[in-house]
Amino acid sequence: MSKMKVTSGMRPTGDIHLGNLLGALDNWVSLQDEYDCYFFIVDWHSLTTPGGNGAVGYENVESLKANVLSMAIDWMAAGLDPERSSIFVQSHVPEVAELHLIFSMVTPLGWLERNPTYKEMVSSYAIESPSYGLLGYPTLQAADILVYRGDYVPVGKDQEAHVNMTRDLALRFNNLYGKDLFPVTEALLTEVAKVPGLDSVDRKMSKSAGNHIALSLSEEQTADKIKSMFTDPVKIRKDDPGHPDGCVVYAFHQIYNKDLTGTIRAECEKGARGCVDCKRQLAESMNRALRPIRQKRKELESNPERVWDILAEGAARARKVASGTLREVRETMNLPERRNNHG
């Protein structure tokens, strides 16, 4: 029996950080043996927003290729295995663009205009004149998933709604043409680690906020980042009682020193633990955990052509599946058959 398919992607923001690793990549790595996985770097999606302040967008494409390479390196260093998963660049599978175009023909405009993600992106990026591509973002996202007949998309509970448009489009297409060509994709709900930013337990770690720790940092740079972490503002001296629930350092101890959190909490609350020592202990544990990833990252960085070859191999496997899907779509919609002209 063939495995069920999992699909997911990330925008090429460059070096990934702990939020990406703990919130998504660790889960992707765990899915590789159980599912037929398609993981792609969504370079077309990155062009739906203007960019600026170092971020890639249609107004800022200078670092796009470098960001794609860096993200691919981080993915594989974190444990995505090209022997067990198809790892590739979105735009290297042109069938995705064709399916996106076909979906755009059958997607009601109201679906796109009411999409809350569209409104959020217009607001967060302060876009005065949104592009056609941004409005149609969900149809491209659906094409990313359905061109591989994706059964599941791994997301946290807070992102479950993002899969709904893909489900709606699959059902609409199947009903319009009387054929169950596309699976009704489901969210594969996963326990996503809550990864705070360096500045607050209430803010997510993100590159745009500048409150992140990139996997590309050295151990010394990581220790410096940890030194800057927000702690308890009322714990001025070591023997002052602390309040660990509001401390970013304690939040990371819960990830990297799970077995010691009871002791760490007790010592902090009774004033037996200083913030400097607490941060030093966290830096040692975090760097120890990240060491194998960083070593693998160095190896991949030293051979970028091999990384591009792996992405090409992944795209070739993905295209075999995608081309079969498009062939059925064209037949279902009674589009004229393509013929080769060798004259």
C-alpha atoms as a PDB file:
ATOM      1  CA  MET A   1       0.000   0.000   0.000  1.00  0.00           C
ATOM      2  CA  SER A   2       1.357   3.426  -0.946  1.00  0.00           C
ATOM      3  CA  LYS A   3       1.960   5.966   1.776  1.00  0.00           C
ATOM      4  CA  MET A   4      -0.332   8.937   2.346  1.00  0.00           C
ATOM      5  CA  LYS A   5       1.168  12.210   1.107  1.00  0.00           C
ATOM      6  CA  VAL A   6       2.250  15.176   3.204  1.00  0.00           C
ATOM      7  CA  THR A   7       3.043  18.541   1.628  1.00  0.00           C
ATOM      8  CA  SER A   8       4.376  21.746   3.154  1.00  0.00           C
ATOM      9  CA  GLY A   9       6.563  24.707   2.307  1.00  0.00           C
ATOM     10  CA  MET A  10       8.246  27.839   3.634  1.00  0.00           C
ATOM     11  CA  ARG A  11       8.950  31.238   2.138  1.00  0.00           C
ATOM     12  CA  PRO A  12      12.695  31.733   1.492  1.00  0.00           C
ATOM     13  CA  THR A  13      13.538  34.168   4.258  1.00  0.00           C
ATOM     14  CA  GLY A  14      17.166  33.073   4.382  1.00  0.00           C
ATOM     15  CA  ASP A  15      18.724  31.454   7.437  1.00  0.00           C
ATOM     16  CA  ILE A  16      16.054  29.791   9.549  1.00  0.00           C
ATOM     17  CA  HIS A  17      15.841  30.254  13.299  1.00  0.00           C
ATOM     18  CA  LEU A  18      14.849  28.263  16.369  1.00  0.00           C
ATOM     19  CA  GLY A  19      11.187  29.145  15.881  1.00  0.00           C
ATOM     20  CA  ASN A  20      11.240  27.489  12.443  1.00  0.00           C
ATOM     21  CA  LEU A  21      13.211  24.509  13.745  1.00  0.00           C
ATOM     22  CA  LEU A  22      11.106  23.782  16.804  1.00  0.00           C
ATOM     23  CA  GLY A  23       7.803  24.930  15.365  1.00  0.00           C
ATOM     24  CA  ALA A  24       7.904  23.101  12.027  1.00  0.00           C
ATOM     25  CA  LEU A  25      11.115  21.411  10.906  1.00  0.00           C
ATOM     26  CA  ASP A  26      11.463  18.983  13.819  1.00  0.00           C
ATOM     27  CA  ASN A  27       7.944  17.795  13.033  1.00  0.00           C
ATOM     28  CA  TRP A  28       8.655  17.492   9.299  1.00  0.00           C
ATOM     29  CA  VAL A  29      11.687  15.336  10.078  1.00  0.00           C
ATOM     30  CA  SER A  30       9.544  12.994  12.189  1.00  0.00           C
ATOM     31  CA  LEU A  31       7.008  12.543   9.362  1.00  0.00           C
ATOM     32  CA  GLN A  32       9.476  11.270   6.771  1.00  0.00           C
ATOM     33  CA  ASP A  33       9.249   7.554   7.551  1.00  0.00           C
ATOM     34  CA  GLU A  34       5.468   7.376   7.835  1.00  0.00           C
ATOM     35  CA  TYR A  35       4.462   9.565   4.865  1.00  0.00           C
ATOM     36  CA  ASP A  36       5.454  10.322   1.285  1.00  0.00           C
ATOM     37  CA  CYS A  37       6.675  13.888   1.889  1.00  0.00           C
ATOM     38  CA  TYR A  38       6.972  16.863  -0.458  1.00  0.00           C
ATOM     39  CA  PHE A  39       8.756  19.836   1.096  1.00  0.00           C
ATOM     40  CA  PHE A  40       9.259  22.905  -1.075  1.00  0.00           C
ATOM     41  CA  ILE A  41      10.734  26.394  -0.804  1.00  0.00           C
ATOM     42  CA  VAL A  42       7.976  28.699  -2.054  1.00  0.00           C
ATOM     43  CA  ASP A  43       9.884  31.321  -4.027  1.00  0.00           C
ATOM     44  CA  TRP A  44       6.805  32.382  -6.025  1.00  0.00           C
ATOM     45  CA  HIS A  45       4.917  33.065  -2.807  1.00  0.00           C
ATOM     46  CA  SER A  46       7.694  35.396  -1.676  1.00  0.00           C
ATOM     47  CA  LEU A  47       6.906  37.636  -4.661  1.00  0.00           C
ATOM     48  CA  THR A  48       3.332  38.333  -3.548  1.00  0.00           C
ATOM     49  CA  THR A  49       4.464  41.063  -1.131  1.00  0.00           C
ATOM     50  CA  PRO A  50       6.666  44.120  -1.768  1.00  0.00           C
ATOM     51  CA  GLY A  51       9.570  43.174   0.476  1.00  0.00           C
ATOM     52  CA  GLY A  52      11.879  45.799   1.917  1.00  0.00           C
ATOM     53  CA  ASN A  53      14.018  46.068   5.061  1.00  0.00           C
ATOM     54  CA  GLY A  54      16.009  43.097   3.840  1.00  0.00           C
ATOM     55  CA  ALA A  55      12.981  40.900   3.178  1.00  0.00           C
ATOM     56  CA  VAL A  56      12.512  39.346  -0.252  1.00  0.00           C
ATOM     57  CA  GLY A  57       9.539  40.590  -2.282  1.00  0.00           C
ATOM     58  CA  TYR A  58       8.680  41.678  -5.799  1.00  0.00           C
ATOM     59  CA  GLU A  59      10.486  44.972  -5.095  1.00  0.00           C
ATOM     60  CA  ASN A  60      13.514  43.245  -3.591  1.00  0.00           C
ATOM     61  CA  VAL A  61      14.733  40.081  -5.299  1.00  0.00           C
ATOM     62  CA  GLU A  62      18.496  40.552  -4.903  1.00  0.00           C
ATOM     63  CA  SER A  63      18.839  37.933  -2.155  1.00  0.00           C
ATOM     64  CA  LEU A  64      16.173  35.509  -3.395  1.00  0.00           C
ATOM     65  CA  LYS A  65      18.489  32.869  -4.843  1.00  0.00           C
ATOM     66  CA  ALA A  66      20.873  33.069  -1.883  1.00  0.00           C
ATOM     67  CA  ASN A  67      17.944  32.751   0.527  1.00  0.00           C
ATOM     68  CA  VAL A  68      16.693  29.640  -1.262  1.00  0.00           C
ATOM     69  CA  LEU A  69      20.117  28.010  -0.990  1.00  0.00           C
ATOM     70  CA  SER A  70      20.484  28.957   2.667  1.00  0.00           C
ATOM     71  CA  MET A  71      17.060  27.578   3.543  1.00  0.00           C
ATOM     72  CA  ALA A  72      17.737  24.317   1.710  1.00  0.00           C
ATOM     73  CA  ILE A  73      20.984  23.927   3.639  1.00  0.00           C
ATOM     74  CA  ASP A  74      19.230  24.530   6.950  1.00  0.00           C
ATOM     75  CA  TRP A  75      16.462  22.072   6.109  1.00  0.00           C
ATOM     76  CA  MET A  76      18.869  19.265   5.343  1.00  0.00           C
ATOM     77  CA  ALA A  77      21.104  20.103   8.275  1.00  0.00           C
ATOM     78  CA  ALA A  78      18.051  19.838  10.536  1.00  0.00           C
ATOM     79  CA  GLY A  79      17.320  16.326   9.255  1.00  0.00           C
ATOM     80  CA  LEU A  80      15.239  16.485   6.080  1.00  0.00           C
ATOM     81  CA  ASP A  81      16.592  13.591   4.050  1.00  0.00           C
ATOM     82  CA  PRO A  82      16.483  13.768   0.219  1.00  0.00           C
ATOM     83  CA  GLU A  83      16.477   9.968   0.164  1.00  0.00           C
ATOM     84  CA  ARG A  84      13.201   9.875   2.108  1.00  0.00           C
ATOM     85  CA  SER A  85      11.533  13.146   1.039  1.00  0.00           C
ATOM     86  CA  SER A  86      11.255  15.222  -2.115  1.00  0.00           C
ATOM     87  CA  ILE A  87      12.948  18.540  -1.317  1.00  0.00           C
ATOM     88  CA  PHE A  88      12.778  21.173  -4.032  1.00  0.00           C
ATOM     89  CA  VAL A  89      12.042  24.729  -5.121  1.00  0.00           C
ATOM     90  CA  GLN A  90       8.425  25.616  -5.893  1.00  0.00           C
ATOM     91  CA  SER A  91       9.168  27.345  -9.206  1.00  0.00           C
ATOM     92  CA  HIS A  92      11.137  24.339 -10.466  1.00  0.00           C
ATOM     93  CA  VAL A  93       7.820  22.534 -10.923  1.00  0.00           C
ATOM     94  CA  PRO A  94       6.034  24.621 -13.609  1.00  0.00           C
ATOM     95  CA  GLU A  95       2.961  22.374 -13.397  1.00  0.00           C
ATOM     96  CA  VAL A  96       2.151  24.217 -10.160  1.00  0.00           C
ATOM     97  CA  ALA A  97       1.742  27.455 -12.125  1.00  0.00           C
ATOM     98  CA  GLU A  98      -0.531  25.768 -14.661  1.00  0.00           C
ATOM     99  CA  LEU A  99      -2.758  24.299 -11.959  1.00  0.00           C
ATOM    100  CA  HIS A 100      -2.823  27.677 -10.204  1.00  0.00           C
ATOM    101  CA  LEU A 101      -4.079  29.255 -13.434  1.00  0.00           C
ATOM    102  CA  ILE A 102      -6.774  26.596 -13.836  1.00  0.00           C
ATOM    103  CA  PHE A 103      -7.874  26.999 -10.206  1.00  0.00           C
ATOM    104  CA  SER A 104      -8.078  30.771 -10.700  1.00  0.00           C
ATOM    105  CA  MET A 105     -10.704  30.162 -13.390  1.00  0.00           C
ATOM    106  CA  VAL A 106     -13.033  28.331 -11.001  1.00  0.00           C
ATOM    107  CA  THR A 107     -12.387  30.186  -7.736  1.00  0.00           C
ATOM    108  CA  PRO A 108     -15.155  32.661  -6.775  1.00  0.00           C
ATOM    109  CA  LEU A 109     -13.735  36.131  -6.253  1.00  0.00           C
ATOM    110  CA  GLY A 110     -15.617  36.446  -2.963  1.00  0.00           C
ATOM    111  CA  TRP A 111     -13.643  33.541  -1.492  1.00  0.00           C
ATOM    112  CA  LEU A 112     -10.419  35.434  -2.064  1.00  0.00           C
ATOM    113  CA  GLU A 113     -11.688  38.818  -0.918  1.00  0.00           C
ATOM    114  CA  ARG A 114     -13.012  37.362   2.349  1.00  0.00           C
ATOM    115  CA  ASN A 115      -9.827  35.456   3.057  1.00  0.00           C
ATOM    116  CA  PRO A 116      -8.596  36.699   6.478  1.00  0.00           C
ATOM    117  CA  THR A 117      -4.953  35.971   5.614  1.00  0.00           C
ATOM    118  CA  TYR A 118      -5.190  38.364   2.654  1.00  0.00           C
ATOM    119  CA  LYS A 119      -6.484  41.133   4.890  1.00  0.00           C
ATOM    120  CA  GLU A 120      -3.829  40.421   7.521  1.00  0.00           C
ATOM    121  CA  MET A 121      -1.007  40.570   4.963  1.00  0.00           C
ATOM    122  CA  VAL A 122      -2.295  43.815   3.438  1.00  0.00           C
ATOM    123  CA  SER A 123      -2.372  45.308   6.923  1.00  0.00           C
ATOM    124  CA  SER A 124       0.909  43.910   8.282  1.00  0.00           C
ATOM    125  CA  TYR A 125       2.891  44.851   5.157  1.00  0.00           C
ATOM    126  CA  ALA A 126       1.066  48.221   4.861  1.00  0.00           C
ATOM    127  CA  ILE A 127       0.330  47.492   1.194  1.00  0.00           C
ATOM    128  CA  GLU A 128      -1.488  50.395  -0.454  1.00  0.00           C
ATOM    129  CA  SER A 129      -2.181  48.641  -3.748  1.00  0.00           C
ATOM    130  CA  PRO A 130      -2.306  44.827  -3.296  1.00  0.00           C
ATOM    131  CA  SER A 131      -1.275  42.738  -6.282  1.00  0.00           C
ATOM    132  CA  TYR A 132      -3.320  40.159  -8.166  1.00  0.00           C
ATOM    133  CA  GLY A 133      -0.804  37.603  -6.932  1.00  0.00           C
ATOM    134  CA  LEU A 134      -1.443  38.439  -3.278  1.00  0.00           C
ATOM    135  CA  LEU A 135      -5.210  38.183  -3.724  1.00  0.00           C
ATOM    136  CA  GLY A 136      -4.745  34.838  -5.466  1.00  0.00           C
ATOM    137  CA  TYR A 137      -2.291  33.530  -2.883  1.00  0.00           C
ATOM    138  CA  PRO A 138      -4.714  30.814  -1.672  1.00  0.00           C
ATOM    139  CA  THR A 139      -5.164  29.392  -5.175  1.00  0.00           C
ATOM    140  CA  LEU A 140      -1.406  29.087  -5.595  1.00  0.00           C
ATOM    141  CA  GLN A 141      -1.181  27.505  -2.155  1.00  0.00           C
ATOM    142  CA  ALA A 142      -3.905  25.019  -3.132  1.00  0.00           C
ATOM    143  CA  ALA A 143      -2.017  24.201  -6.335  1.00  0.00           C
ATOM    144  CA  ASP A 144       1.140  23.578  -4.284  1.00  0.00           C
ATOM    145  CA  ILE A 145      -0.722  20.936  -2.304  1.00  0.00           C
ATOM    146  CA  LEU A 146      -3.109  19.387  -4.805  1.00  0.00           C
ATOM    147  CA  VAL A 147      -0.700  19.044  -7.721  1.00  0.00           C
ATOM    148  CA  TYR A 148       0.926  16.261  -5.635  1.00  0.00           C
ATOM    149  CA  ARG A 149      -2.493  14.974  -4.430  1.00  0.00           C
ATOM    150  CA  GLY A 150      -1.527  15.986  -0.906  1.00  0.00           C
ATOM    151  CA  ASP A 151      -3.553  14.173   1.763  1.00  0.00           C
ATOM    152  CA  TYR A 152      -2.253  16.170   4.724  1.00  0.00           C
ATOM    153  CA  VAL A 153      -0.631  19.487   5.549  1.00  0.00           C
ATOM    154  CA  PRO A 154       1.126  19.539   8.937  1.00  0.00           C
ATOM    155  CA  VAL A 155       0.024  22.618  10.904  1.00  0.00           C
ATOM    156  CA  GLY A 156      -0.655  23.733  14.439  1.00  0.00           C
ATOM    157  CA  LYS A 157      -4.228  24.231  15.619  1.00  0.00           C
ATOM    158  CA  ASP A 158      -3.964  27.998  15.073  1.00  0.00           C
ATOM    159  CA  GLN A 159      -3.217  27.453  11.366  1.00  0.00           C
ATOM    160  CA  GLU A 160      -5.892  24.879  10.616  1.00  0.00           C
ATOM    161  CA  ALA A 161      -8.010  27.464   8.796  1.00  0.00           C
ATOM    162  CA  HIS A 162      -5.240  27.916   6.202  1.00  0.00           C
ATOM    163  CA  VAL A 163      -6.009  24.448   4.835  1.00  0.00           C
ATOM    164  CA  ASN A 164      -9.719  25.181   4.390  1.00  0.00           C
ATOM    165  CA  MET A 165      -9.346  26.991   1.053  1.00  0.00           C
ATOM    166  CA  THR A 166      -7.498  24.001  -0.390  1.00  0.00           C
ATOM    167  CA  ARG A 167     -10.285  21.691   0.807  1.00  0.00           C
ATOM    168  CA  ASP A 168     -12.917  24.011  -0.693  1.00  0.00           C
ATOM    169  CA  LEU A 169     -11.136  24.185  -4.036  1.00  0.00           C
ATOM    170  CA  ALA A 170     -10.672  20.420  -4.207  1.00  0.00           C
ATOM    171  CA  LEU A 171     -14.363  19.871  -3.503  1.00  0.00           C
ATOM    172  CA  ARG A 172     -15.426  22.579  -5.970  1.00  0.00           C
ATOM    173  CA  PHE A 173     -13.295  21.128  -8.768  1.00  0.00           C
ATOM    174  CA  ASN A 174     -14.436  17.566  -8.080  1.00  0.00           C
ATOM    175  CA  ASN A 175     -18.106  18.633  -8.020  1.00  0.00           C
ATOM    176  CA  LEU A 176     -17.850  20.837 -11.118  1.00  0.00           C
ATOM    177  CA  TYR A 177     -16.395  18.080 -13.272  1.00  0.00           C
ATOM    178  CA  GLY A 178     -17.979  15.039 -11.648  1.00  0.00           C
ATOM    179  CA  LYS A 179     -14.767  13.286 -10.769  1.00  0.00           C
ATOM    180  CA  ASP A 180     -12.957  12.756  -7.468  1.00  0.00           C
ATOM    181  CA  LEU A 181      -9.657  13.823  -8.968  1.00  0.00           C
ATOM    182  CA  PHE A 182      -8.327  15.661  -5.922  1.00  0.00           C
ATOM    183  CA  PRO A 183      -8.219  14.409  -2.335  1.00  0.00           C
ATOM    184  CA  VAL A 184      -9.951  16.558   0.262  1.00  0.00           C
ATOM    185  CA  THR A 185      -6.778  17.609   2.035  1.00  0.00           C
ATOM    186  CA  GLU A 186      -6.830  17.611   5.821  1.00  0.00           C
ATOM    187  CA  ALA A 187      -4.762  19.445   8.387  1.00  0.00           C
ATOM    188  CA  LEU A 188      -2.371  17.091  10.125  1.00  0.00           C
ATOM    189  CA  LEU A 189      -2.602  18.693  13.524  1.00  0.00           C
ATOM    190  CA  THR A 190       0.689  18.635  15.357  1.00  0.00           C
ATOM    191  CA  GLU A 191       1.868  19.766  18.738  1.00  0.00           C
ATOM    192  CA  VAL A 192       3.826  22.889  17.882  1.00  0.00           C
ATOM    193  CA  ALA A 193       6.412  24.046  20.378  1.00  0.00           C
ATOM    194  CA  LYS A 194       5.763  27.554  21.667  1.00  0.00           C
ATOM    195  CA  VAL A 195       8.961  29.381  20.834  1.00  0.00           C
ATOM    196  CA  PRO A 196       9.112  32.882  22.309  1.00  0.00           C
ATOM    197  CA  GLY A 197      11.229  35.715  21.011  1.00  0.00           C
ATOM    198  CA  LEU A 198      14.250  36.914  22.933  1.00  0.00           C
ATOM    199  CA  ASP A 199      12.325  39.957  24.112  1.00  0.00           C
ATOM    200  CA  SER A 200       9.140  38.483  25.618  1.00  0.00           C
ATOM    201  CA  VAL A 201       7.417  35.204  26.405  1.00  0.00           C
ATOM    202  CA  ASP A 202       4.310  36.684  24.791  1.00  0.00           C
ATOM    203  CA  ARG A 203       5.918  37.384  21.396  1.00  0.00           C
ATOM    204  CA  LYS A 204       6.748  34.708  18.841  1.00  0.00           C
ATOM    205  CA  MET A 205      10.292  34.427  17.615  1.00  0.00           C
ATOM    206  CA  SER A 206      10.504  35.932  14.132  1.00  0.00           C
ATOM    207  CA  LYS A 207      13.108  37.283  11.798  1.00  0.00           C
ATOM    208  CA  SER A 208      11.103  40.428  11.064  1.00  0.00           C
ATOM    209  CA  ALA A 209      10.979  41.272  14.772  1.00  0.00           C
ATOM    210  CA  GLY A 210      14.719  40.708  15.140  1.00  0.00           C
ATOM    211  CA  ASN A 211      14.142  38.617  18.266  1.00  0.00           C
ATOM    212  CA  HIS A 212      15.466  35.341  16.882  1.00  0.00           C
ATOM    213  CA  ILE A 213      18.436  32.969  17.071  1.00  0.00           C
ATOM    214  CA  ALA A 214      19.480  31.755  13.618  1.00  0.00           C
ATOM    215  CA  LEU A 215      20.868  28.256  13.143  1.00  0.00           C
ATOM    216  CA  SER A 216      23.760  29.825  11.248  1.00  0.00           C
ATOM    217  CA  LEU A 217      25.083  31.574  14.377  1.00  0.00           C
ATOM    218  CA  SER A 218      28.195  30.303  16.088  1.00  0.00           C
ATOM    219  CA  GLU A 219      28.121  29.007  19.649  1.00  0.00           C
ATOM    220  CA  GLU A 220      29.642  32.266  20.873  1.00  0.00           C
ATOM    221  CA  GLN A 221      27.041  34.335  19.013  1.00  0.00           C
ATOM    222  CA  THR A 222      24.282  32.148  20.424  1.00  0.00           C
ATOM    223  CA  ALA A 223      25.584  32.682  23.953  1.00  0.00           C
ATOM    224  CA  ASP A 224      25.598  36.445  23.334  1.00  0.00           C
ATOM    225  CA  LYS A 225      21.985  36.281  22.141  1.00  0.00           C
ATOM    226  CA  ILE A 226      21.011  34.405  25.294  1.00  0.00           C
ATOM    227  CA  LYS A 227      22.710  37.053  27.426  1.00  0.00           C
ATOM    228  CA  SER A 228      20.327  39.587  25.886  1.00  0.00           C
ATOM    229  CA  MET A 229      17.199  37.548  26.694  1.00  0.00           C
ATOM    230  CA  PHE A 230      14.446  39.182  28.720  1.00  0.00           C
ATOM    231  CA  THR A 231      14.284  37.916  32.292  1.00  0.00           C
ATOM    232  CA  ASP A 232      12.294  38.924  35.378  1.00  0.00           C
ATOM    233  CA  PRO A 233      12.421  42.750  35.630  1.00  0.00           C
ATOM    234  CA  VAL A 234      11.870  42.697  39.411  1.00  0.00           C
ATOM    235  CA  LYS A 235      14.682  40.214  40.096  1.00  0.00           C
ATOM    236  CA  ILE A 236      17.542  42.683  40.427  1.00  0.00           C
ATOM    237  CA  ARG A 237      19.905  40.696  42.636  1.00  0.00           C
ATOM    238  CA  LYS A 238      20.661  36.999  42.685  1.00  0.00           C
ATOM    239  CA  ASP A 239      18.913  36.449  46.030  1.00  0.00           C
ATOM    240  CA  ASP A 240      15.732  38.244  44.969  1.00  0.00           C
ATOM    241  CA  PRO A 241      12.829  35.809  44.474  1.00  0.00           C
ATOM    242  CA  GLY A 242      12.110  35.327  40.784  1.00  0.00           C
ATOM    243  CA  HIS A 243       9.016  34.734  38.658  1.00  0.00           C
ATOM    244  CA  PRO A 244      10.021  32.158  36.014  1.00  0.00           C
ATOM    245  CA  ASP A 245       6.693  32.094  34.157  1.00  0.00           C
ATOM    246  CA  GLY A 246       7.415  35.543  32.713  1.00  0.00           C
ATOM    247  CA  CYS A 247      11.054  34.816  31.907  1.00  0.00           C
ATOM    248  CA  VAL A 248      12.218  33.986  28.368  1.00  0.00           C
ATOM    249  CA  VAL A 249      15.235  32.093  29.705  1.00  0.00           C
ATOM    250  CA  TYR A 250      13.002  29.774  31.714  1.00  0.00           C
ATOM    251  CA  ALA A 251      10.785  29.236  28.660  1.00  0.00           C
ATOM    252  CA  PHE A 252      13.816  27.942  26.754  1.00  0.00           C
ATOM    253  CA  HIS A 253      14.909  25.807  29.700  1.00  0.00           C
ATOM    254  CA  GLN A 254      11.537  24.065  29.289  1.00  0.00           C
ATOM    255  CA  ILE A 255      12.669  23.127  25.772  1.00  0.00           C
ATOM    256  CA  TYR A 256      16.360  22.383  26.281  1.00  0.00           C
ATOM    257  CA  ASN A 257      16.472  21.309  29.948  1.00  0.00           C
ATOM    258  CA  LYS A 258      13.105  19.627  30.467  1.00  0.00           C
ATOM    259  CA  ASP A 259      14.397  17.332  33.215  1.00  0.00           C
ATOM    260  CA  LEU A 260      15.759  20.237  35.233  1.00  0.00           C
ATOM    261  CA  THR A 261      12.882  22.717  35.071  1.00  0.00           C
ATOM    262  CA  GLY A 262      11.519  21.728  38.480  1.00  0.00           C
ATOM    263  CA  THR A 263      14.858  22.471  40.119  1.00  0.00           C
ATOM    264  CA  ILE A 264      15.379  25.640  38.060  1.00  0.00           C
ATOM    265  CA  ARG A 265      11.935  26.967  39.024  1.00  0.00           C
ATOM    266  CA  ALA A 266      12.377  26.218  42.720  1.00  0.00           C
ATOM    267  CA  GLU A 267      15.832  27.822  42.861  1.00  0.00           C
ATOM    268  CA  CYS A 268      14.635  30.902  40.989  1.00  0.00           C
ATOM    269  CA  GLU A 269      11.541  31.423  43.133  1.00  0.00           C
ATOM    270  CA  LYS A 270      13.473  31.247  46.396  1.00  0.00           C
ATOM    271  CA  GLY A 271      16.329  33.452  45.214  1.00  0.00           C
ATOM    272  CA  ALA A 272      18.942  30.699  45.013  1.00  0.00           C
ATOM    273  CA  ARG A 273      19.631  31.128  41.271  1.00  0.00           C
ATOM    274  CA  GLY A 274      21.081  34.149  39.512  1.00  0.00           C
ATOM    275  CA  CYS A 275      20.127  35.166  35.970  1.00  0.00           C
ATOM    276  CA  VAL A 276      23.733  35.164  34.746  1.00  0.00           C
ATOM    277  CA  ASP A 277      24.289  31.528  35.751  1.00  0.00           C
ATOM    278  CA  CYS A 278      20.847  30.593  34.469  1.00  0.00           C
ATOM    279  CA  LYS A 279      21.667  32.033  31.044  1.00  0.00           C
ATOM    280  CA  ARG A 280      25.063  30.334  30.985  1.00  0.00           C
ATOM    281  CA  GLN A 281      23.457  26.949  31.679  1.00  0.00           C
ATOM    282  CA  LEU A 282      20.915  27.515  28.902  1.00  0.00           C
ATOM    283  CA  ALA A 283      23.646  28.488  26.418  1.00  0.00           C
ATOM    284  CA  GLU A 284      25.531  25.257  27.147  1.00  0.00           C
ATOM    285  CA  SER A 285      22.438  23.093  26.658  1.00  0.00           C
ATOM    286  CA  MET A 286      21.206  24.890  23.545  1.00  0.00           C
ATOM    287  CA  ASN A 287      24.603  24.823  21.867  1.00  0.00           C
ATOM    288  CA  ARG A 288      24.997  21.142  22.682  1.00  0.00           C
ATOM    289  CA  ALA A 289      21.655  20.372  21.045  1.00  0.00           C
ATOM    290  CA  LEU A 290      22.441  22.471  17.960  1.00  0.00           C
ATOM    291  CA  ARG A 291      25.990  21.190  17.457  1.00  0.00           C
ATOM    292  CA  PRO A 292      25.140  18.295  15.067  1.00  0.00           C
ATOM    293  CA  ILE A 293      22.942  20.589  12.972  1.00  0.00           C
ATOM    294  CA  ARG A 294      25.657  23.209  12.711  1.00  0.00           C
ATOM    295  CA  GLN A 295      28.261  20.627  11.754  1.00  0.00           C
ATOM    296  CA  LYS A 296      26.035  19.315   8.977  1.00  0.00           C
ATOM    297  CA  ARG A 297      25.334  22.871   7.904  1.00  0.00           C
ATOM    298  CA  LYS A 298      29.057  23.568   7.472  1.00  0.00           C
ATOM    299  CA  GLU A 299      29.451  20.466   5.324  1.00  0.00           C
ATOM    300  CA  LEU A 300      26.585  21.512   3.046  1.00  0.00           C
ATOM    301  CA  GLU A 301      27.791  25.121   2.839  1.00  0.00           C
ATOM    302  CA  SER A 302      31.120  23.900   1.548  1.00  0.00           C
ATOM    303  CA  ASN A 303      29.438  22.196  -1.427  1.00  0.00           C
ATOM    304  CA  PRO A 304      26.589  24.412  -2.706  1.00  0.00           C
ATOM    305  CA  GLU A 305      26.501  22.673  -6.104  1.00  0.00           C
ATOM    306  CA  ARG A 306      25.579  19.434  -4.368  1.00  0.00           C
ATOM    307  CA  VAL A 307      22.705  21.246  -2.644  1.00  0.00           C
ATOM    308  CA  TRP A 308      21.413  22.571  -5.982  1.00  0.00           C
ATOM    309  CA  ASP A 309      21.708  19.054  -7.424  1.00  0.00           C
ATOM    310  CA  ILE A 310      19.612  17.673  -4.548  1.00  0.00           C
ATOM    311  CA  LEU A 311      16.959  20.329  -5.168  1.00  0.00           C
ATOM    312  CA  ALA A 312      16.965  19.464  -8.875  1.00  0.00           C
ATOM    313  CA  GLU A 313      16.572  15.762  -8.102  1.00  0.00           C
ATOM    314  CA  GLY A 314      13.683  16.538  -5.766  1.00  0.00           C
ATOM    315  CA  ALA A 315      12.014  18.692  -8.414  1.00  0.00           C
ATOM    316  CA  ALA A 316      12.375  15.925 -10.999  1.00  0.00           C
ATOM    317  CA  ARG A 317      10.570  13.465  -8.704  1.00  0.00           C
ATOM    318  CA  ALA A 318       7.906  16.052  -7.917  1.00  0.00           C
ATOM    319  CA  ARG A 319       7.369  16.822 -11.618  1.00  0.00           C
ATOM    320  CA  LYS A 320       6.635  13.187 -12.385  1.00  0.00           C
ATOM    321  CA  VAL A 321       3.735  13.305  -9.944  1.00  0.00           C
ATOM    322  CA  ALA A 322       2.654  16.817 -10.956  1.00  0.00           C
ATOM    323  CA  SER A 323       2.657  16.075 -14.685  1.00  0.00           C
ATOM    324  CA  GLY A 324       0.405  13.070 -14.111  1.00  0.00           C
ATOM    325  CA  THR A 325      -2.007  15.225 -12.141  1.00  0.00           C
ATOM    326  CA  LEU A 326      -2.106  17.894 -14.862  1.00  0.00           C
ATOM    327  CA  ARG A 327      -2.672  15.291 -17.545  1.00  0.00           C
ATOM    328  CA  GLU A 328      -5.781  14.104 -15.688  1.00  0.00           C
ATOM    329  CA  VAL A 329      -6.919  17.679 -15.064  1.00  0.00           C
ATOM    330  CA  ARG A 330      -6.714  18.518 -18.771  1.00  0.00           C
ATOM    331  CA  GLU A 331      -8.561  15.354 -19.711  1.00  0.00           C
ATOM    332  CA  THR A 332     -11.241  16.023 -17.104  1.00  0.00           C
ATOM    333  CA  MET A 333     -11.750  19.585 -18.366  1.00  0.00           C
ATOM    334  CA  ASN A 334     -11.741  18.439 -22.017  1.00  0.00           C
ATOM    335  CA  LEU A 335      -8.799  20.655 -22.874  1.00  0.00           C
ATOM    336  CA  PRO A 336      -7.221  19.860 -26.290  1.00  0.00           C
ATOM    337  CA  GLU A 337      -4.534  17.232 -26.207  1.00  0.00           C
ATOM    338  CA  ARG A 338      -0.968  18.448 -26.521  1.00  0.00           C
ATOM    339  CA  ARG A 339       0.982  17.052 -29.453  1.00  0.00           C
ATOM    340  CA  ASN A 340       4.662  17.262 -30.219  1.00  0.00           C
ATOM    341  CA  ASN A 341       5.532  18.897 -33.511  1.00  0.00           C
ATOM    342  CA  HIS A 342       8.750  17.394 -34.795  1.00  0.00           C
ATOM    343  CA  GLY A 343       8.369  18.846 -38.294  1.00  0.00           C
END
